[in-house]
Amino acid sequence: MSNFKAEVFQNQFLPQGAREVHAIMTISVAGGEGVAVTSSRERLFGVICDTSGSMGGGKIHAAKDAIAKVVNLLPEDAHFFIVTGAGKASVVFPVSQATAEKKQQAIASIKNITATGGTLMSTWLAEALKQFQKMPNAVRQALLLTDGQNDDSDEQKLKTVLQQCEGIFQCDCRGVGTDWRVSQLQLIAGKLLGTTDIIPNASMIEADFRAILEKAMSKDVTDVAMRLWTPQGAKVLFFKQVSPDIVDLTHRAKPVKNLIVDYPTGAWGSNESRDYHFCIEVNPGNVGDEMLAGRASLIYTLNGIETKIAEARILATWTDDEAKSTKIDRRVAHYTGQAELAQSIQEGLEARAKGDIEVATAKLGKAVKLAHESGNEATAKLLKTVVDVQDASTGTVRLKREVAKEDAMALETRSTKTTRIPKN
């Protein structure tokens, strides 16, 4: 059983005429207090591996070894499949329970994998979709590994297939080496509520695969959505997951009925906690007015039956007390800063790629300052691979003349990871 608990952090007091209401909602899964949810007994893990020509040599050998070891690590009550892809997809091993016998059969099949051909990722995902559709009630997680760029001719088909895959399975994407395109994998992972990261060299594939499998096997509640009710006349300006990383879900809203929409959250595991940032525009009130600006509920669906597993209210109160209305909730301020940090990194790296030294220095310097102020040590460390920091507190930096491509790609892929602040 998983117990869900929701908390909202906000300053509900607004000056007269103000319209924007901000709130951070923390959802935690643990034992003890909260609404209990029966966990799914079925888990389906899919491996999608690039076998285009560029994967030849050491990369395909390392990938095959890593896949075989992941198969061996699967618990016997889990299910799995393996799809490879180049110009078209192949099912190396179809959906099967991870019994000792099936594992040995799968490992024998993995040994026959070879690398040749082009890269059409839409075909890989379409084949994976067929496999995932065989177990609709399972927690469904995929791992996609590639070393190259998707063919430009596949762009529209990829978007179409991603629409079909959305809500059916989640997918973590990994690029090995530095010849793949960050934006392409972020498109896939973003749509399928997964993560994107770089594996700088093939020898590191196995460790990364193990970490992804461990995380996937910890998930036991799937088909969960954040349901948001807002009053007549209100507008959701944005809705984002802001911890453990930033995922903008604003445009993923699906209408349930008038004034109510659902946002996908993906599967949940035990001992997991995430933060979400709501920004809702409401009709302005007069001093003394109070209103419910939003009601957010976490909804779990099993066999077509919905269960509310957590709920919190977002309030708005108008006041002429400046001491109340000018106070910014520290969590709202923190995550606003983390979003600004991620944006500064993205804009700085884009300017750097275009040779605009002045803008790149300003943006990355601002990122260094924000990372320093928020205590985001992981991002601060990554920033030091592309700039020489002279004074972190003021954001004074100098662009490095020589930057390894893998360092720039690591900063780009991990720029959305955030830190939390203590509760008190």
Protein backbone atom coordinates (compact mmCIF):
# COMPACT_ATOMS: atom_id res chain seq x y z
CA MET A 1 0.00 0.00 0.00
CA SER A 2 1.21 3.54 -0.79
CA ASN A 3 0.01 6.48 1.32
CA PHE A 4 -0.31 9.84 -0.47
CA LYS A 5 -0.26 13.18 1.32
CA ALA A 6 -0.66 16.71 -0.10
CA GLU A 7 0.46 20.08 1.32
CA VAL A 8 0.09 23.57 -0.17
CA PHE A 9 2.49 26.46 0.45
CA GLN A 10 1.48 29.95 -0.61
CA ASN A 11 0.89 33.51 0.50
CA GLN A 12 -2.84 33.82 -0.09
CA PHE A 13 -2.87 37.58 0.56
CA LEU A 14 -3.03 39.84 -2.49
CA PRO A 15 -3.17 43.64 -2.83
CA GLN A 16 -6.40 45.06 -4.19
CA GLY A 17 -6.58 44.62 -7.95
CA ALA A 18 -4.02 41.78 -8.09
CA ARG A 19 -4.99 38.74 -10.14
CA GLU A 20 -2.17 36.16 -9.98
CA VAL A 21 -2.24 33.45 -7.32
CA HIS A 22 0.89 31.30 -6.87
CA ALA A 23 1.08 28.09 -4.87
CA ILE A 24 3.48 25.19 -4.42
CA MET A 25 1.86 21.81 -3.83
CA THR A 26 3.97 19.03 -2.36
CA ILE A 27 2.84 15.45 -2.91
CA SER A 28 4.55 12.80 -0.79
CA VAL A 29 4.21 9.03 -0.79
CA ALA A 30 5.17 7.23 2.39
CA GLY A 31 3.86 5.16 5.25
CA GLY A 32 1.81 6.65 8.08
CA GLU A 33 -0.62 9.49 7.34
CA GLY A 34 -2.37 9.97 4.02
CA VAL A 35 -4.72 8.16 1.67
CA ALA A 36 -3.70 4.55 1.01
CA VAL A 37 -3.62 3.22 -2.55
CA THR A 38 -3.36 -0.41 -3.53
CA SER A 39 -0.20 -0.81 -5.56
CA SER A 40 -0.14 -2.36 -9.02
CA ARG A 41 1.19 -5.90 -9.03
CA GLU A 42 2.28 -5.74 -12.65
CA ARG A 43 5.37 -3.96 -13.97
CA LEU A 44 6.47 -3.92 -17.60
CA PHE A 45 9.94 -2.68 -18.51
CA GLY A 46 10.87 -2.15 -22.15
CA VAL A 47 14.32 -1.62 -23.65
CA ILE A 48 14.51 0.32 -26.92
CA CYS A 49 18.04 0.25 -28.32
CA ASP A 50 19.44 2.06 -31.34
CA THR A 51 21.12 -0.39 -33.72
CA SER A 52 21.88 2.00 -36.56
CA GLY A 53 25.27 1.80 -38.24
CA SER A 54 26.86 4.43 -36.02
CA MET A 55 26.33 2.17 -32.98
CA GLY A 56 28.78 -0.36 -34.43
CA GLY A 57 31.92 -1.37 -32.59
CA GLY A 58 32.36 -0.70 -28.88
CA LYS A 59 28.99 1.03 -28.38
CA ILE A 60 26.83 -1.87 -29.51
CA HIS A 61 28.94 -4.35 -27.55
CA ALA A 62 28.58 -2.23 -24.39
CA ALA A 63 24.85 -1.79 -25.00
CA LYS A 64 24.32 -5.53 -25.50
CA ASP A 65 26.25 -6.33 -22.32
CA ALA A 66 24.25 -3.73 -20.38
CA ILE A 67 20.90 -4.99 -21.69
CA ALA A 68 21.81 -8.57 -20.78
CA LYS A 69 22.75 -7.52 -17.26
CA VAL A 70 19.55 -5.52 -16.87
CA VAL A 71 17.55 -8.56 -17.95
CA ASN A 72 19.31 -10.62 -15.31
CA LEU A 73 18.47 -8.02 -12.66
CA LEU A 74 14.74 -8.02 -13.36
CA PRO A 75 12.64 -9.46 -10.53
CA GLU A 76 10.80 -12.62 -11.55
CA ASP A 77 7.37 -11.04 -11.11
CA ALA A 78 8.18 -8.28 -13.61
CA HIS A 79 7.65 -8.42 -17.37
CA PHE A 80 9.96 -7.08 -20.06
CA PHE A 81 10.61 -6.79 -23.78
CA ILE A 82 13.46 -5.69 -26.03
CA VAL A 83 13.05 -3.67 -29.23
CA THR A 84 15.91 -2.57 -31.44
CA GLY A 85 15.71 0.09 -34.09
CA ALA A 86 17.50 1.53 -37.10
CA GLY A 87 15.56 2.42 -40.26
CA LYS A 88 12.87 0.12 -38.91
CA ALA A 89 12.19 -1.57 -35.61
CA SER A 90 12.66 -5.21 -34.63
CA VAL A 91 11.27 -7.08 -31.65
CA VAL A 92 14.29 -8.91 -30.28
CA PHE A 93 12.23 -10.35 -27.43
CA PRO A 94 8.47 -9.87 -26.99
CA VAL A 95 6.66 -9.18 -23.72
CA SER A 96 7.46 -12.00 -21.33
CA GLN A 97 7.59 -12.60 -17.61
CA ALA A 98 11.14 -12.39 -16.30
CA THR A 99 11.45 -16.04 -15.33
CA ALA A 100 14.89 -17.64 -15.34
CA GLU A 101 14.04 -19.50 -18.53
CA LYS A 102 12.82 -16.37 -20.36
CA LYS A 103 15.85 -14.39 -19.22
CA GLN A 104 18.19 -16.98 -20.72
CA GLN A 105 16.22 -16.98 -23.98
CA ALA A 106 16.35 -13.17 -24.11
CA ILE A 107 20.09 -13.08 -23.45
CA ALA A 108 20.63 -15.56 -26.27
CA SER A 109 18.64 -13.25 -28.58
CA ILE A 110 20.62 -10.20 -27.45
CA LYS A 111 23.84 -11.86 -28.62
CA ASN A 112 22.51 -11.78 -32.20
CA ILE A 113 21.95 -8.01 -32.25
CA THR A 114 23.99 -6.19 -34.90
CA ALA A 115 24.26 -2.51 -35.88
CA THR A 116 23.44 -1.33 -39.39
CA GLY A 117 21.16 1.14 -41.18
CA GLY A 118 19.69 4.60 -40.50
CA THR A 119 17.76 6.19 -37.65
CA LEU A 120 13.95 6.46 -37.69
CA MET A 121 12.92 6.70 -34.06
CA SER A 122 9.20 6.83 -34.82
CA THR A 123 9.34 3.18 -35.89
CA TRP A 124 11.06 2.19 -32.63
CA LEU A 125 8.47 3.88 -30.48
CA ALA A 126 5.59 2.53 -32.55
CA GLU A 127 6.83 -1.01 -31.99
CA ALA A 128 7.34 -0.37 -28.27
CA LEU A 129 3.79 0.97 -28.09
CA LYS A 130 2.44 -2.35 -29.41
CA GLN A 131 4.31 -4.19 -26.68
CA PHE A 132 3.14 -1.88 -23.89
CA GLN A 133 -0.47 -2.16 -25.03
CA LYS A 134 -0.35 -5.84 -24.12
CA MET A 135 -0.34 -4.98 -20.39
CA PRO A 136 -2.59 -1.93 -19.91
CA ASN A 137 -2.80 -2.24 -16.10
CA ALA A 138 0.93 -2.56 -15.50
CA VAL A 139 3.35 0.18 -14.47
CA ARG A 140 4.86 0.77 -17.91
CA GLN A 141 8.39 2.18 -18.27
CA ALA A 142 10.77 2.25 -21.23
CA LEU A 143 14.46 3.01 -21.63
CA LEU A 144 15.61 4.38 -25.00
CA LEU A 145 19.31 4.42 -25.91
CA THR A 146 20.72 6.09 -29.00
CA ASP A 147 24.02 7.54 -30.17
CA GLY A 148 22.81 9.57 -33.13
CA GLN A 149 20.31 12.00 -34.54
CA ASN A 150 16.90 11.09 -35.81
CA ASP A 151 16.52 11.50 -39.56
CA ASP A 152 14.90 14.85 -40.37
CA SER A 153 12.43 13.08 -42.67
CA ASP A 154 11.01 11.35 -39.57
CA GLU A 155 10.12 14.53 -37.66
CA GLN A 156 6.40 14.59 -38.36
CA LYS A 157 5.94 10.85 -37.96
CA LEU A 158 7.77 11.02 -34.64
CA LYS A 159 5.38 13.68 -33.35
CA THR A 160 2.40 11.59 -34.48
CA VAL A 161 3.70 8.44 -32.78
CA LEU A 162 4.47 10.37 -29.60
CA GLN A 163 0.85 11.49 -29.47
CA GLN A 164 -0.16 7.82 -29.64
CA CYS A 165 2.35 6.81 -26.94
CA GLU A 166 1.40 9.61 -24.52
CA GLY A 167 -0.29 8.17 -21.46
CA ILE A 168 0.51 4.58 -22.49
CA PHE A 169 4.08 4.44 -21.23
CA GLN A 170 6.86 6.57 -19.81
CA CYS A 171 10.31 6.71 -21.35
CA ASP A 172 13.75 7.70 -20.07
CA CYS A 173 16.09 8.64 -22.93
CA ARG A 174 19.86 8.33 -22.94
CA GLY A 175 22.34 9.52 -25.53
CA VAL A 176 25.71 7.80 -25.62
CA GLY A 177 28.61 9.86 -26.93
CA THR A 178 28.13 13.38 -28.28
CA ASP A 179 26.68 12.90 -31.78
CA TRP A 180 23.02 12.87 -30.70
CA ARG A 181 20.81 15.93 -30.46
CA VAL A 182 19.63 16.98 -26.98
CA SER A 183 16.43 18.59 -28.26
CA GLN A 184 15.32 15.39 -30.00
CA LEU A 185 15.63 13.23 -26.90
CA GLN A 186 14.09 15.94 -24.73
CA LEU A 187 11.10 15.98 -27.09
CA ILE A 188 10.57 12.24 -26.57
CA ALA A 189 11.27 12.21 -22.83
CA GLY A 190 9.18 15.34 -22.25
CA LYS A 191 6.15 13.92 -24.02
CA LEU A 192 6.52 10.58 -22.26
CA LEU A 193 7.26 12.03 -18.79
CA GLY A 194 10.78 10.66 -18.65
CA THR A 195 14.28 12.01 -18.19
CA THR A 196 17.05 12.81 -20.65
CA ASP A 197 20.75 12.47 -19.93
CA ILE A 198 24.10 11.95 -21.54
CA ILE A 199 26.27 8.86 -21.19
CA PRO A 200 29.66 10.29 -22.17
CA ASN A 201 31.21 6.97 -23.11
CA ALA A 202 30.00 3.44 -23.73
CA SER A 203 31.69 2.01 -20.63
CA MET A 204 29.16 3.92 -18.51
CA ILE A 205 26.04 2.44 -20.14
CA GLU A 206 25.67 -0.44 -17.70
CA ALA A 207 25.71 1.73 -14.58
CA ASP A 208 23.12 4.07 -16.07
CA PHE A 209 20.88 1.21 -17.15
CA ARG A 210 21.02 -0.27 -13.66
CA ALA A 211 19.96 3.05 -12.11
CA ILE A 212 17.03 3.42 -14.51
CA LEU A 213 15.87 -0.16 -13.86
CA GLU A 214 16.09 0.32 -10.11
CA LYS A 215 13.99 3.48 -10.31
CA ALA A 216 11.47 1.85 -12.66
CA MET A 217 11.02 -1.15 -10.37
CA SER A 218 10.32 1.19 -7.44
CA LYS A 219 7.20 2.54 -9.18
CA ASP A 220 4.03 0.81 -8.11
CA VAL A 221 1.17 3.25 -8.75
CA THR A 222 0.37 4.19 -12.33
CA ASP A 223 -2.32 6.13 -14.20
CA VAL A 224 -2.25 9.11 -11.82
CA ALA A 225 -3.35 12.62 -12.81
CA MET A 226 -3.42 16.03 -11.14
CA ARG A 227 -7.03 17.26 -11.39
CA LEU A 228 -7.46 21.01 -11.08
CA TRP A 229 -10.72 22.84 -10.55
CA THR A 230 -10.68 26.61 -11.05
CA PRO A 231 -13.60 29.03 -10.64
CA GLN A 232 -15.52 30.65 -13.47
CA GLY A 233 -13.41 33.36 -15.11
CA ALA A 234 -10.09 31.98 -13.85
CA LYS A 235 -7.21 31.00 -16.13
CA VAL A 236 -4.26 28.70 -15.46
CA LEU A 237 -1.21 30.72 -16.51
CA PHE A 238 1.08 27.76 -15.90
CA PHE A 239 1.31 24.45 -14.10
CA LYS A 240 4.72 22.86 -13.69
CA GLN A 241 6.37 20.05 -11.84
CA VAL A 242 9.29 21.88 -10.19
CA SER A 243 10.96 19.12 -8.15
CA PRO A 244 12.91 16.92 -8.62
CA ASP A 245 13.15 18.61 -12.01
CA ILE A 246 11.19 21.15 -14.02
CA VAL A 247 8.54 19.77 -16.36
CA ASP A 248 6.13 22.27 -17.86
CA LEU A 249 2.72 20.56 -17.94
CA THR A 250 0.70 23.67 -18.78
CA HIS A 251 -0.21 22.57 -22.28
CA ARG A 252 -0.85 18.96 -21.31
CA ALA A 253 -4.22 19.74 -19.71
CA LYS A 254 -7.08 17.47 -20.74
CA PRO A 255 -10.60 18.77 -20.06
CA VAL A 256 -12.67 16.58 -17.74
CA LYS A 257 -15.71 18.85 -17.66
CA ASN A 258 -16.44 22.55 -17.35
CA LEU A 259 -13.83 24.25 -15.09
CA ILE A 260 -11.94 20.98 -14.48
CA VAL A 261 -8.83 19.65 -16.24
CA ASP A 262 -6.41 16.78 -15.69
CA TYR A 263 -2.62 16.97 -16.00
CA PRO A 264 -0.54 13.77 -16.29
CA THR A 265 1.95 13.02 -13.51
CA GLY A 266 3.28 9.62 -14.54
CA ALA A 267 3.79 6.67 -12.20
CA TRP A 268 4.69 7.00 -8.52
CA GLY A 269 6.89 4.95 -6.23
CA SER A 270 7.06 4.55 -2.48
CA ASN A 271 9.00 7.19 -0.53
CA GLU A 272 8.70 9.61 -3.46
CA SER A 273 7.98 13.33 -3.16
CA ARG A 274 7.41 15.95 -5.85
CA ASP A 275 6.60 19.64 -5.89
CA TYR A 276 4.25 21.39 -8.34
CA HIS A 277 3.88 25.12 -9.02
CA PHE A 278 0.44 26.55 -9.87
CA CYS A 279 -0.06 30.06 -11.23
CA ILE A 280 -3.75 30.92 -11.58
CA GLU A 281 -5.18 34.20 -12.79
CA VAL A 282 -8.48 35.07 -11.10
CA ASN A 283 -10.90 37.96 -11.27
CA PRO A 284 -9.58 40.70 -8.94
CA GLY A 285 -11.37 41.15 -5.64
CA ASN A 286 -11.91 44.01 -3.20
CA VAL A 287 -10.21 44.34 0.16
CA GLY A 288 -11.70 41.77 2.48
CA ASP A 289 -12.82 39.39 -0.29
CA GLU A 290 -11.80 35.76 -0.04
CA MET A 291 -12.12 33.05 -2.66
CA LEU A 292 -11.10 29.54 -3.55
CA ALA A 293 -8.75 30.08 -6.50
CA GLY A 294 -8.25 26.41 -7.19
CA ARG A 295 -8.69 22.92 -5.83
CA ALA A 296 -6.01 20.41 -6.83
CA SER A 297 -6.59 16.68 -6.44
CA LEU A 298 -4.43 13.70 -7.25
CA ILE A 299 -6.60 11.12 -9.00
CA TYR A 300 -5.72 7.44 -9.39
CA THR A 301 -7.56 5.32 -11.96
CA LEU A 302 -7.71 1.52 -11.91
CA ASN A 303 -9.99 -0.52 -14.14
CA GLY A 304 -11.87 2.66 -15.01
CA ILE A 305 -12.58 3.53 -11.37
CA GLU A 306 -11.24 6.86 -10.11
CA THR A 307 -9.99 7.38 -6.56
CA LYS A 308 -9.02 10.72 -5.05
CA ILE A 309 -5.76 10.13 -3.20
CA ALA A 310 -4.74 13.66 -2.20
CA GLU A 311 -6.29 17.13 -2.30
CA ALA A 312 -5.34 20.68 -1.42
CA ARG A 313 -6.98 24.11 -1.73
CA ILE A 314 -5.43 27.22 -3.25
CA LEU A 315 -6.81 30.42 -1.69
CA ALA A 316 -6.89 34.13 -2.46
CA THR A 317 -7.61 36.92 0.04
CA TRP A 318 -7.39 40.62 -0.85
CA THR A 319 -6.00 42.97 1.77
CA ASP A 320 -4.78 46.54 2.19
CA ASP A 321 -2.13 45.35 4.64
CA GLU A 322 1.09 45.69 2.67
CA ALA A 323 3.03 43.66 5.21
CA LYS A 324 0.84 40.68 4.29
CA SER A 325 0.44 41.20 0.55
CA THR A 326 4.10 41.89 -0.26
CA LYS A 327 5.39 38.76 1.44
CA ILE A 328 6.42 36.09 -1.05
CA ASP A 329 6.19 32.49 0.09
CA ARG A 330 9.75 31.16 0.30
CA ARG A 331 8.96 28.02 -1.71
CA VAL A 332 7.29 30.01 -4.47
CA ALA A 333 10.31 32.31 -4.53
CA HIS A 334 12.71 29.37 -4.55
CA TYR A 335 11.12 27.57 -7.47
CA THR A 336 10.61 30.79 -9.42
CA GLY A 337 14.38 31.21 -9.10
CA GLN A 338 15.07 27.61 -10.16
CA ALA A 339 12.98 28.09 -13.30
CA GLU A 340 14.89 31.30 -14.03
CA LEU A 341 18.14 29.39 -13.52
CA ALA A 342 17.19 26.73 -16.08
CA GLN A 343 16.09 29.38 -18.57
CA SER A 344 19.32 31.36 -18.15
CA ILE A 345 21.39 28.25 -18.85
CA GLN A 346 19.40 27.40 -21.98
CA GLU A 347 19.63 30.96 -23.30
CA GLY A 348 23.32 31.21 -22.39
CA LEU A 349 24.22 28.00 -24.18
CA GLU A 350 22.22 29.05 -27.25
CA ALA A 351 24.04 32.40 -27.36
CA ARG A 352 27.38 30.66 -26.90
CA ALA A 353 26.61 28.31 -29.81
CA LYS A 354 25.84 31.35 -31.99
CA GLY A 355 29.08 33.05 -30.99
CA ASP A 356 27.33 35.84 -29.08
CA ILE A 357 29.91 36.14 -26.32
CA GLU A 358 28.33 39.13 -24.57
CA VAL A 359 24.88 37.55 -24.16
CA ALA A 360 26.33 34.13 -23.30
CA THR A 361 28.50 35.64 -20.57
CA ALA A 362 25.59 37.60 -19.13
CA LYS A 363 23.16 34.66 -19.13
CA LEU A 364 25.60 32.09 -17.79
CA GLY A 365 26.83 34.59 -15.20
CA LYS A 366 23.25 35.07 -14.06
CA ALA A 367 22.88 31.28 -13.87
CA VAL A 368 25.99 31.03 -11.69
CA LYS A 369 24.57 33.66 -9.34
CA LEU A 370 21.17 31.93 -9.12
CA ALA A 371 22.75 28.51 -8.54
CA HIS A 372 24.93 30.00 -5.80
CA GLU A 373 22.01 31.75 -4.08
CA SER A 374 19.75 28.69 -4.16
CA GLY A 375 22.40 26.20 -3.12
CA ASN A 376 22.04 24.19 -6.31
CA GLU A 377 25.51 22.72 -6.06
CA ALA A 378 25.06 20.14 -8.82
CA THR A 379 24.20 22.80 -11.40
CA ALA A 380 26.90 25.13 -10.07
CA LYS A 381 29.45 22.37 -10.65
CA LEU A 382 28.23 21.81 -14.22
CA LEU A 383 28.38 25.56 -14.93
CA LYS A 384 32.06 25.56 -13.99
CA THR A 385 32.75 23.32 -16.98
CA VAL A 386 31.73 26.10 -19.38
CA VAL A 387 32.69 29.28 -17.49
CA ASP A 388 35.48 30.40 -15.18
CA VAL A 389 33.73 31.77 -12.09
CA GLN A 390 35.36 34.91 -10.67
CA ASP A 391 32.62 35.79 -8.17
CA ALA A 392 29.61 33.52 -7.79
CA SER A 393 27.72 35.95 -5.55
CA THR A 394 27.65 38.60 -8.29
CA GLY A 395 27.61 36.22 -11.26
CA THR A 396 30.93 37.48 -12.60
CA VAL A 397 32.22 34.88 -15.05
CA ARG A 398 34.36 34.47 -18.12
CA LEU A 399 33.53 31.97 -20.88
CA LYS A 400 36.05 29.17 -21.19
CA ARG A 401 37.86 29.15 -24.53
CA GLU A 402 37.76 25.39 -24.85
CA VAL A 403 34.73 23.41 -23.66
CA ALA A 404 34.34 19.67 -24.16
CA LYS A 405 31.16 18.97 -26.12
CA GLU A 406 30.08 16.41 -23.55
CA ASP A 407 30.32 19.03 -20.78
CA ALA A 408 28.09 21.48 -22.67
CA MET A 409 25.59 18.69 -23.42
CA ALA A 410 25.58 17.56 -19.78
CA LEU A 411 24.80 21.11 -18.64
CA GLU A 412 22.04 21.42 -21.22
CA THR A 413 20.38 18.09 -20.35
CA ARG A 414 20.63 18.56 -16.57
CA SER A 415 19.76 22.25 -16.37
CA THR A 416 16.17 21.49 -15.31
CA LYS A 417 17.16 19.56 -12.18
CA THR A 418 16.25 21.52 -9.07
CA THR A 419 17.06 21.57 -5.40
CA ARG A 420 14.64 21.76 -2.52
CA ILE A 421 14.71 24.03 0.46
CA PRO A 422 14.24 22.81 4.02
CA LYS A 423 10.66 22.93 5.35
CA ASN A 424 11.67 25.36 8.09
